[in-house]
Amino acid sequence: MNAISDFPISDDAISGAMVQPHVRGLFDGDIAVALCDPRAPMGSLLSPERQGMGRMVAKRQLEFTAGRIAAHRAMAALGRPRQPVIPGPDRAPIWPDGLVGSLSHCDSLCVCVMAPTGPVRSLGVDVEEDTALDPEMIETILTPPERAWMARQPEDEAGRLAKLIFSAKETAYKAQYPMTREVLDFGAIAILPDLAQGRFTATFTRAVGPFASGSTLQGRMARAHDLILTGLTLRPQGAA
């Protein structure tokens, strides 16, 4: 299954046709991927989702709505009926029974990835604007080995590569969270990008839940159309 839903195109919207193959390339064919533009999301929320918005400010309401519309599209791509995705007490989405998923958004794009439980344990996805990370945040977010890796890269790319590492961490954190329910600091996972292959390795620097110190997760990444995109699929041990 290679299902991606289009998002609405406005005069200044990113072309879905241009972004789709890059998002699709982050995940295997059995993962549904749906896109939506948070500036102009199309479709209506289900009643529990409307209640879940609470007193969000207008911009956050648009982002929340876009995420739920993308999730409904991903369900349709999997042949599932539309079901609500509401935030839990920890603000993480509560996925319908039998499904796992992940959501991310930036100003111009919202992405939802989803799969049936069983062949997939959890998913992580992140989308960021391809701009430089705030220099003041680099020491907070990047570990010493990550900063050493960055120092070997072209100087004019340093800030944007730091943002890529941040995105990969976000994706790895989302993927591990359903199994650990632990909010990690930025030093708990170290990222080693492989720019040539469009992949990254996320290594736990300490034991977290079922993950021993030194355990690794393998993810994929892309930089395209002024976006940084990262994705990770966690399957049961021994699964293809």
C-alpha atoms as a PDB file:
ATOM      1  CA  MET A   1       0.000   0.000   0.000  1.00  0.00           C
ATOM      2  CA  ASN A   2       1.499   3.332  -1.040  1.00  0.00           C
ATOM      3  CA  ALA A   3      -1.247   5.653   0.074  1.00  0.00           C
ATOM      4  CA  ILE A   4      -0.804   9.388   0.516  1.00  0.00           C
ATOM      5  CA  SER A   5      -3.698  11.808   0.607  1.00  0.00           C
ATOM      6  CA  ASP A   6      -3.348  15.210  -1.091  1.00  0.00           C
ATOM      7  CA  PHE A   7      -3.644  18.378   0.955  1.00  0.00           C
ATOM      8  CA  PRO A   8      -5.429  21.456  -0.368  1.00  0.00           C
ATOM      9  CA  ILE A   9      -3.361  23.768  -2.538  1.00  0.00           C
ATOM     10  CA  SER A  10      -3.709  27.528  -2.073  1.00  0.00           C
ATOM     11  CA  ASP A  11      -1.787  30.235  -3.917  1.00  0.00           C
ATOM     12  CA  ASP A  12       1.124  30.055  -1.477  1.00  0.00           C
ATOM     13  CA  ALA A  13       0.833  26.403  -0.440  1.00  0.00           C
ATOM     14  CA  ILE A  14       3.600  23.892  -0.965  1.00  0.00           C
ATOM     15  CA  SER A  15       2.774  21.627  -3.892  1.00  0.00           C
ATOM     16  CA  GLY A  16       1.573  18.294  -2.544  1.00  0.00           C
ATOM     17  CA  ALA A  17       2.822  16.553  -5.663  1.00  0.00           C
ATOM     18  CA  MET A  18       6.325  17.853  -4.960  1.00  0.00           C
ATOM     19  CA  VAL A  19       6.388  16.907  -1.274  1.00  0.00           C
ATOM     20  CA  GLN A  20       4.614  13.550  -1.491  1.00  0.00           C
ATOM     21  CA  PRO A  21       7.465  11.367  -2.784  1.00  0.00           C
ATOM     22  CA  HIS A  22       9.832  12.674  -0.118  1.00  0.00           C
ATOM     23  CA  VAL A  23       7.399  11.924   2.708  1.00  0.00           C
ATOM     24  CA  ARG A  24       6.536   8.562   1.150  1.00  0.00           C
ATOM     25  CA  GLY A  25      10.213   7.650   1.011  1.00  0.00           C
ATOM     26  CA  LEU A  26      10.492   7.834   4.802  1.00  0.00           C
ATOM     27  CA  PHE A  27       8.215   4.820   5.287  1.00  0.00           C
ATOM     28  CA  ASP A  28       7.609   1.340   3.918  1.00  0.00           C
ATOM     29  CA  GLY A  29       4.586   0.697   1.736  1.00  0.00           C
ATOM     30  CA  ASP A  30       2.412  -0.730   4.529  1.00  0.00           C
ATOM     31  CA  ILE A  31       2.450   2.610   6.364  1.00  0.00           C
ATOM     32  CA  ALA A  32      -0.294   5.064   5.401  1.00  0.00           C
ATOM     33  CA  VAL A  33       0.860   8.669   5.083  1.00  0.00           C
ATOM     34  CA  ALA A  34      -1.515  11.628   4.822  1.00  0.00           C
ATOM     35  CA  LEU A  35      -0.720  15.303   4.337  1.00  0.00           C
ATOM     36  CA  CYS A  36      -2.710  18.454   5.106  1.00  0.00           C
ATOM     37  CA  ASP A  37      -2.056  22.190   4.971  1.00  0.00           C
ATOM     38  CA  PRO A  38      -2.609  23.662   8.467  1.00  0.00           C
ATOM     39  CA  ARG A  39      -3.268  27.086   6.949  1.00  0.00           C
ATOM     40  CA  ALA A  40      -6.404  25.827   5.220  1.00  0.00           C
ATOM     41  CA  PRO A  41      -7.391  22.352   6.479  1.00  0.00           C
ATOM     42  CA  MET A  42     -10.405  20.833   4.729  1.00  0.00           C
ATOM     43  CA  GLY A  43     -12.997  18.662   6.430  1.00  0.00           C
ATOM     44  CA  SER A  44     -14.775  18.579   9.764  1.00  0.00           C
ATOM     45  CA  LEU A  45     -13.790  17.246  13.152  1.00  0.00           C
ATOM     46  CA  LEU A  46     -15.686  14.558  15.008  1.00  0.00           C
ATOM     47  CA  SER A  47     -17.486  15.643  18.159  1.00  0.00           C
ATOM     48  CA  PRO A  48     -14.908  14.221  20.647  1.00  0.00           C
ATOM     49  CA  GLU A  49     -12.181  15.993  18.688  1.00  0.00           C
ATOM     50  CA  ARG A  50     -13.982  19.331  18.839  1.00  0.00           C
ATOM     51  CA  GLN A  51     -14.297  18.885  22.592  1.00  0.00           C
ATOM     52  CA  GLY A  52     -10.588  18.017  22.769  1.00  0.00           C
ATOM     53  CA  MET A  53      -9.644  21.438  21.398  1.00  0.00           C
ATOM     54  CA  GLY A  54     -10.684  23.089  24.637  1.00  0.00           C
ATOM     55  CA  ARG A  55      -9.580  26.736  24.716  1.00  0.00           C
ATOM     56  CA  MET A  56      -6.832  26.564  22.118  1.00  0.00           C
ATOM     57  CA  VAL A  57      -5.835  29.803  20.417  1.00  0.00           C
ATOM     58  CA  ALA A  58      -6.829  30.174  16.761  1.00  0.00           C
ATOM     59  CA  LYS A  59      -3.475  29.076  15.285  1.00  0.00           C
ATOM     60  CA  ARG A  60      -3.366  25.993  17.486  1.00  0.00           C
ATOM     61  CA  GLN A  61      -6.952  25.166  16.500  1.00  0.00           C
ATOM     62  CA  LEU A  62      -5.888  25.165  12.826  1.00  0.00           C
ATOM     63  CA  GLU A  63      -2.930  22.897  13.594  1.00  0.00           C
ATOM     64  CA  PHE A  64      -5.075  20.560  15.681  1.00  0.00           C
ATOM     65  CA  THR A  65      -7.732  20.406  12.960  1.00  0.00           C
ATOM     66  CA  ALA A  66      -5.177  19.722  10.240  1.00  0.00           C
ATOM     67  CA  GLY A  67      -3.712  16.871  12.275  1.00  0.00           C
ATOM     68  CA  ARG A  68      -7.107  15.245  12.743  1.00  0.00           C
ATOM     69  CA  ILE A  69      -8.057  15.652   9.076  1.00  0.00           C
ATOM     70  CA  ALA A  70      -4.726  14.074   8.107  1.00  0.00           C
ATOM     71  CA  ALA A  71      -5.390  11.243  10.575  1.00  0.00           C
ATOM     72  CA  HIS A  72      -8.867  10.639   9.087  1.00  0.00           C
ATOM     73  CA  ARG A  73      -7.288  10.478   5.616  1.00  0.00           C
ATOM     74  CA  ALA A  74      -4.714   7.973   6.840  1.00  0.00           C
ATOM     75  CA  MET A  75      -7.508   5.818   8.274  1.00  0.00           C
ATOM     76  CA  ALA A  76      -9.285   5.911   4.931  1.00  0.00           C
ATOM     77  CA  ALA A  77      -6.070   4.879   3.181  1.00  0.00           C
ATOM     78  CA  LEU A  78      -5.936   1.837   5.477  1.00  0.00           C
ATOM     79  CA  GLY A  79      -9.582   1.023   4.764  1.00  0.00           C
ATOM     80  CA  ARG A  80     -10.643   1.985   8.289  1.00  0.00           C
ATOM     81  CA  PRO A  81     -13.678   4.060   9.246  1.00  0.00           C
ATOM     82  CA  ARG A  82     -13.122   7.604  10.461  1.00  0.00           C
ATOM     83  CA  GLN A  83     -12.569   7.609  14.217  1.00  0.00           C
ATOM     84  CA  PRO A  84     -11.652  10.378  16.658  1.00  0.00           C
ATOM     85  CA  VAL A  85      -8.068  11.064  17.667  1.00  0.00           C
ATOM     86  CA  ILE A  86      -8.139  12.949  20.948  1.00  0.00           C
ATOM     87  CA  PRO A  87      -5.267  14.166  23.119  1.00  0.00           C
ATOM     88  CA  GLY A  88      -4.512  12.202  26.264  1.00  0.00           C
ATOM     89  CA  PRO A  89      -3.621  13.676  29.668  1.00  0.00           C
ATOM     90  CA  ASP A  90      -0.013  13.906  28.455  1.00  0.00           C
ATOM     91  CA  ARG A  91      -1.241  15.662  25.269  1.00  0.00           C
ATOM     92  CA  ALA A  92      -0.064  12.746  23.102  1.00  0.00           C
ATOM     93  CA  PRO A  93      -2.694  11.551  20.588  1.00  0.00           C
ATOM     94  CA  ILE A  94      -4.775   8.564  21.638  1.00  0.00           C
ATOM     95  CA  TRP A  95      -4.972   6.366  18.554  1.00  0.00           C
ATOM     96  CA  PRO A  96      -8.033   4.193  17.891  1.00  0.00           C
ATOM     97  CA  ASP A  97      -7.829   0.554  18.914  1.00  0.00           C
ATOM     98  CA  GLY A  98      -5.826  -1.470  16.430  1.00  0.00           C
ATOM     99  CA  LEU A  99      -3.877   1.492  15.061  1.00  0.00           C
ATOM    100  CA  VAL A 100      -0.593   3.218  15.813  1.00  0.00           C
ATOM    101  CA  GLY A 101       0.375   6.602  14.459  1.00  0.00           C
ATOM    102  CA  SER A 102       2.349   9.799  14.725  1.00  0.00           C
ATOM    103  CA  LEU A 103       1.635  13.436  13.904  1.00  0.00           C
ATOM    104  CA  SER A 104       3.796  16.441  13.123  1.00  0.00           C
ATOM    105  CA  HIS A 105       3.280  19.906  11.690  1.00  0.00           C
ATOM    106  CA  CYS A 106       5.091  23.087  10.807  1.00  0.00           C
ATOM    107  CA  ASP A 107       3.595  26.317   9.470  1.00  0.00           C
ATOM    108  CA  SER A 108       3.012  24.949   5.972  1.00  0.00           C
ATOM    109  CA  LEU A 109       2.532  21.191   6.333  1.00  0.00           C
ATOM    110  CA  CYS A 110       0.931  18.625   8.609  1.00  0.00           C
ATOM    111  CA  VAL A 111       1.837  14.930   8.324  1.00  0.00           C
ATOM    112  CA  CYS A 112       0.134  11.900   9.838  1.00  0.00           C
ATOM    113  CA  VAL A 113       1.532   8.387   9.543  1.00  0.00           C
ATOM    114  CA  MET A 114      -0.486   5.359  10.603  1.00  0.00           C
ATOM    115  CA  ALA A 115      -0.393   1.567  10.535  1.00  0.00           C
ATOM    116  CA  PRO A 116      -2.216  -1.411  12.050  1.00  0.00           C
ATOM    117  CA  THR A 117      -0.847  -2.712  15.321  1.00  0.00           C
ATOM    118  CA  GLY A 118       0.871  -6.068  15.018  1.00  0.00           C
ATOM    119  CA  PRO A 119       3.266  -5.535  12.124  1.00  0.00           C
ATOM    120  CA  VAL A 120       4.180  -2.114  13.574  1.00  0.00           C
ATOM    121  CA  ARG A 121       4.877  -1.312  17.238  1.00  0.00           C
ATOM    122  CA  SER A 122       5.107   2.446  16.905  1.00  0.00           C
ATOM    123  CA  LEU A 123       5.848   5.270  14.488  1.00  0.00           C
ATOM    124  CA  GLY A 124       7.600   8.606  14.616  1.00  0.00           C
ATOM    125  CA  VAL A 125       7.473  11.477  12.159  1.00  0.00           C
ATOM    126  CA  ASP A 126       8.648  15.078  12.265  1.00  0.00           C
ATOM    127  CA  VAL A 127       8.539  17.973   9.829  1.00  0.00           C
ATOM    128  CA  GLU A 128      10.485  21.218  10.290  1.00  0.00           C
ATOM    129  CA  GLU A 129      11.167  24.289   8.212  1.00  0.00           C
ATOM    130  CA  ASP A 130      14.645  23.872   6.674  1.00  0.00           C
ATOM    131  CA  THR A 131      16.158  26.820   8.506  1.00  0.00           C
ATOM    132  CA  ALA A 132      19.048  27.124  10.919  1.00  0.00           C
ATOM    133  CA  LEU A 133      18.545  26.047  14.503  1.00  0.00           C
ATOM    134  CA  ASP A 134      18.857  28.913  16.963  1.00  0.00           C
ATOM    135  CA  PRO A 135      22.585  28.942  17.846  1.00  0.00           C
ATOM    136  CA  GLU A 136      21.715  29.393  21.528  1.00  0.00           C
ATOM    137  CA  MET A 137      19.913  26.036  21.426  1.00  0.00           C
ATOM    138  CA  ILE A 138      22.743  23.990  19.930  1.00  0.00           C
ATOM    139  CA  GLU A 139      24.514  23.207  23.206  1.00  0.00           C
ATOM    140  CA  THR A 140      21.181  22.330  24.841  1.00  0.00           C
ATOM    141  CA  ILE A 141      19.992  20.006  22.077  1.00  0.00           C
ATOM    142  CA  LEU A 142      23.153  18.470  20.621  1.00  0.00           C
ATOM    143  CA  THR A 143      25.380  16.054  22.519  1.00  0.00           C
ATOM    144  CA  PRO A 144      29.193  16.419  22.270  1.00  0.00           C
ATOM    145  CA  PRO A 145      29.455  13.633  19.620  1.00  0.00           C
ATOM    146  CA  GLU A 146      26.696  15.329  17.601  1.00  0.00           C
ATOM    147  CA  ARG A 147      28.503  18.654  17.797  1.00  0.00           C
ATOM    148  CA  ALA A 148      31.732  16.896  16.758  1.00  0.00           C
ATOM    149  CA  TRP A 149      29.940  15.418  13.731  1.00  0.00           C
ATOM    150  CA  MET A 150      28.529  18.819  12.838  1.00  0.00           C
ATOM    151  CA  ALA A 151      31.991  20.405  13.050  1.00  0.00           C
ATOM    152  CA  ARG A 152      33.089  18.122  10.203  1.00  0.00           C
ATOM    153  CA  GLN A 153      30.325  19.373   7.906  1.00  0.00           C
ATOM    154  CA  PRO A 154      30.412  22.491   5.691  1.00  0.00           C
ATOM    155  CA  GLU A 155      30.279  25.558   7.919  1.00  0.00           C
ATOM    156  CA  ASP A 156      27.477  27.208   5.935  1.00  0.00           C
ATOM    157  CA  GLU A 157      25.266  24.148   6.555  1.00  0.00           C
ATOM    158  CA  ALA A 158      25.904  23.861  10.289  1.00  0.00           C
ATOM    159  CA  GLY A 159      22.737  25.524  11.545  1.00  0.00           C
ATOM    160  CA  ARG A 160      20.428  23.601   9.213  1.00  0.00           C
ATOM    161  CA  LEU A 161      22.151  20.303   9.994  1.00  0.00           C
ATOM    162  CA  ALA A 162      21.655  21.039  13.679  1.00  0.00           C
ATOM    163  CA  LYS A 163      17.934  21.448  12.892  1.00  0.00           C
ATOM    164  CA  LEU A 164      18.033  18.072  11.089  1.00  0.00           C
ATOM    165  CA  ILE A 165      19.503  16.428  14.210  1.00  0.00           C
ATOM    166  CA  PHE A 166      16.779  18.083  16.291  1.00  0.00           C
ATOM    167  CA  SER A 167      14.123  16.704  13.929  1.00  0.00           C
ATOM    168  CA  ALA A 168      15.566  13.193  14.096  1.00  0.00           C
ATOM    169  CA  LYS A 169      15.539  13.363  17.894  1.00  0.00           C
ATOM    170  CA  GLU A 170      11.892  14.438  17.847  1.00  0.00           C
ATOM    171  CA  THR A 171      11.042  11.484  15.621  1.00  0.00           C
ATOM    172  CA  ALA A 172      12.950   9.000  17.797  1.00  0.00           C
ATOM    173  CA  TYR A 173      11.321  10.375  20.954  1.00  0.00           C
ATOM    174  CA  LYS A 174       7.862   9.992  19.440  1.00  0.00           C
ATOM    175  CA  ALA A 175       8.606   6.406  18.392  1.00  0.00           C
ATOM    176  CA  GLN A 176       9.874   5.342  21.816  1.00  0.00           C
ATOM    177  CA  TYR A 177       7.238   7.118  23.885  1.00  0.00           C
ATOM    178  CA  PRO A 178       4.349   4.614  23.516  1.00  0.00           C
ATOM    179  CA  MET A 179       6.622   1.912  24.979  1.00  0.00           C
ATOM    180  CA  THR A 180       8.275   3.918  27.745  1.00  0.00           C
ATOM    181  CA  ARG A 181       5.852   6.761  28.572  1.00  0.00           C
ATOM    182  CA  GLU A 182       8.997   8.667  29.482  1.00  0.00           C
ATOM    183  CA  VAL A 183       9.674  12.246  28.436  1.00  0.00           C
ATOM    184  CA  LEU A 184      13.366  12.310  27.557  1.00  0.00           C
ATOM    185  CA  ASP A 185      15.881  15.098  27.721  1.00  0.00           C
ATOM    186  CA  PHE A 186      17.808  15.849  24.542  1.00  0.00           C
ATOM    187  CA  GLY A 187      20.863  13.965  25.760  1.00  0.00           C
ATOM    188  CA  ALA A 188      19.039  10.641  26.166  1.00  0.00           C
ATOM    189  CA  ILE A 189      19.271   9.873  22.446  1.00  0.00           C
ATOM    190  CA  ALA A 190      22.236  10.655  20.188  1.00  0.00           C
ATOM    191  CA  ILE A 191      21.740  11.003  16.427  1.00  0.00           C
ATOM    192  CA  LEU A 192      24.258  10.032  13.759  1.00  0.00           C
ATOM    193  CA  PRO A 193      23.043  11.163  10.322  1.00  0.00           C
ATOM    194  CA  ASP A 194      24.080   9.462   7.088  1.00  0.00           C
ATOM    195  CA  LEU A 195      23.523  12.274   4.629  1.00  0.00           C
ATOM    196  CA  ALA A 196      24.487  10.226   1.580  1.00  0.00           C
ATOM    197  CA  GLN A 197      21.953   7.482   2.336  1.00  0.00           C
ATOM    198  CA  GLY A 198      19.220   9.702   3.749  1.00  0.00           C
ATOM    199  CA  ARG A 199      19.183   7.744   7.004  1.00  0.00           C
ATOM    200  CA  PHE A 200      20.043   8.250  10.649  1.00  0.00           C
ATOM    201  CA  THR A 201      20.855   6.107  13.666  1.00  0.00           C
ATOM    202  CA  ALA A 202      19.368   7.053  17.032  1.00  0.00           C
ATOM    203  CA  THR A 203      21.311   5.607  19.976  1.00  0.00           C
ATOM    204  CA  PHE A 204      20.027   5.539  23.567  1.00  0.00           C
ATOM    205  CA  THR A 205      22.706   6.993  25.821  1.00  0.00           C
ATOM    206  CA  ARG A 206      21.036   5.492  28.894  1.00  0.00           C
ATOM    207  CA  ALA A 207      18.528   2.754  29.610  1.00  0.00           C
ATOM    208  CA  VAL A 208      14.945   3.838  28.933  1.00  0.00           C
ATOM    209  CA  GLY A 209      12.096   1.377  29.513  1.00  0.00           C
ATOM    210  CA  PRO A 210      12.753  -1.701  27.369  1.00  0.00           C
ATOM    211  CA  PHE A 211      15.653   0.014  25.582  1.00  0.00           C
ATOM    212  CA  ALA A 212      19.078  -0.708  27.023  1.00  0.00           C
ATOM    213  CA  SER A 213      21.822   1.887  26.940  1.00  0.00           C
ATOM    214  CA  GLY A 214      23.435   1.599  23.499  1.00  0.00           C
ATOM    215  CA  SER A 215      20.257   0.336  21.795  1.00  0.00           C
ATOM    216  CA  THR A 216      19.737   1.831  18.359  1.00  0.00           C
ATOM    217  CA  LEU A 217      16.791   2.813  16.185  1.00  0.00           C
ATOM    218  CA  GLN A 218      17.090   3.310  12.431  1.00  0.00           C
ATOM    219  CA  GLY A 219      15.305   6.203  10.767  1.00  0.00           C
ATOM    220  CA  ARG A 220      15.076   7.972   7.434  1.00  0.00           C
ATOM    221  CA  MET A 221      15.383  11.629   6.541  1.00  0.00           C
ATOM    222  CA  ALA A 222      14.964  14.013   3.636  1.00  0.00           C
ATOM    223  CA  ARG A 223      15.487  17.699   2.944  1.00  0.00           C
ATOM    224  CA  ALA A 224      13.248  18.940   0.172  1.00  0.00           C
ATOM    225  CA  HIS A 225      11.274  22.056  -0.786  1.00  0.00           C
ATOM    226  CA  ASP A 226      12.480  24.024   2.244  1.00  0.00           C
ATOM    227  CA  LEU A 227      11.456  21.274   4.656  1.00  0.00           C
ATOM    228  CA  ILE A 228      13.282  18.783   6.846  1.00  0.00           C
ATOM    229  CA  LEU A 229      11.421  15.462   7.065  1.00  0.00           C
ATOM    230  CA  THR A 230      12.311  12.559   9.353  1.00  0.00           C
ATOM    231  CA  GLY A 231      10.558   9.255   9.952  1.00  0.00           C
ATOM    232  CA  LEU A 232      11.023   6.061  11.943  1.00  0.00           C
ATOM    233  CA  THR A 233       9.152   2.752  12.080  1.00  0.00           C
ATOM    234  CA  LEU A 234       9.519   0.420  15.056  1.00  0.00           C
ATOM    235  CA  ARG A 235       8.503  -3.150  14.296  1.00  0.00           C
ATOM    236  CA  PRO A 236       8.300  -6.150  16.622  1.00  0.00           C
ATOM    237  CA  GLN A 237      11.635  -7.873  17.075  1.00  0.00           C
ATOM    238  CA  GLY A 238      12.275 -10.210  14.198  1.00  0.00           C
ATOM    239  CA  ALA A 239       9.633  -8.645  11.945  1.00  0.00           C
ATOM    240  CA  ALA A 240      10.627  -7.647   8.414  1.00  0.00           C
END
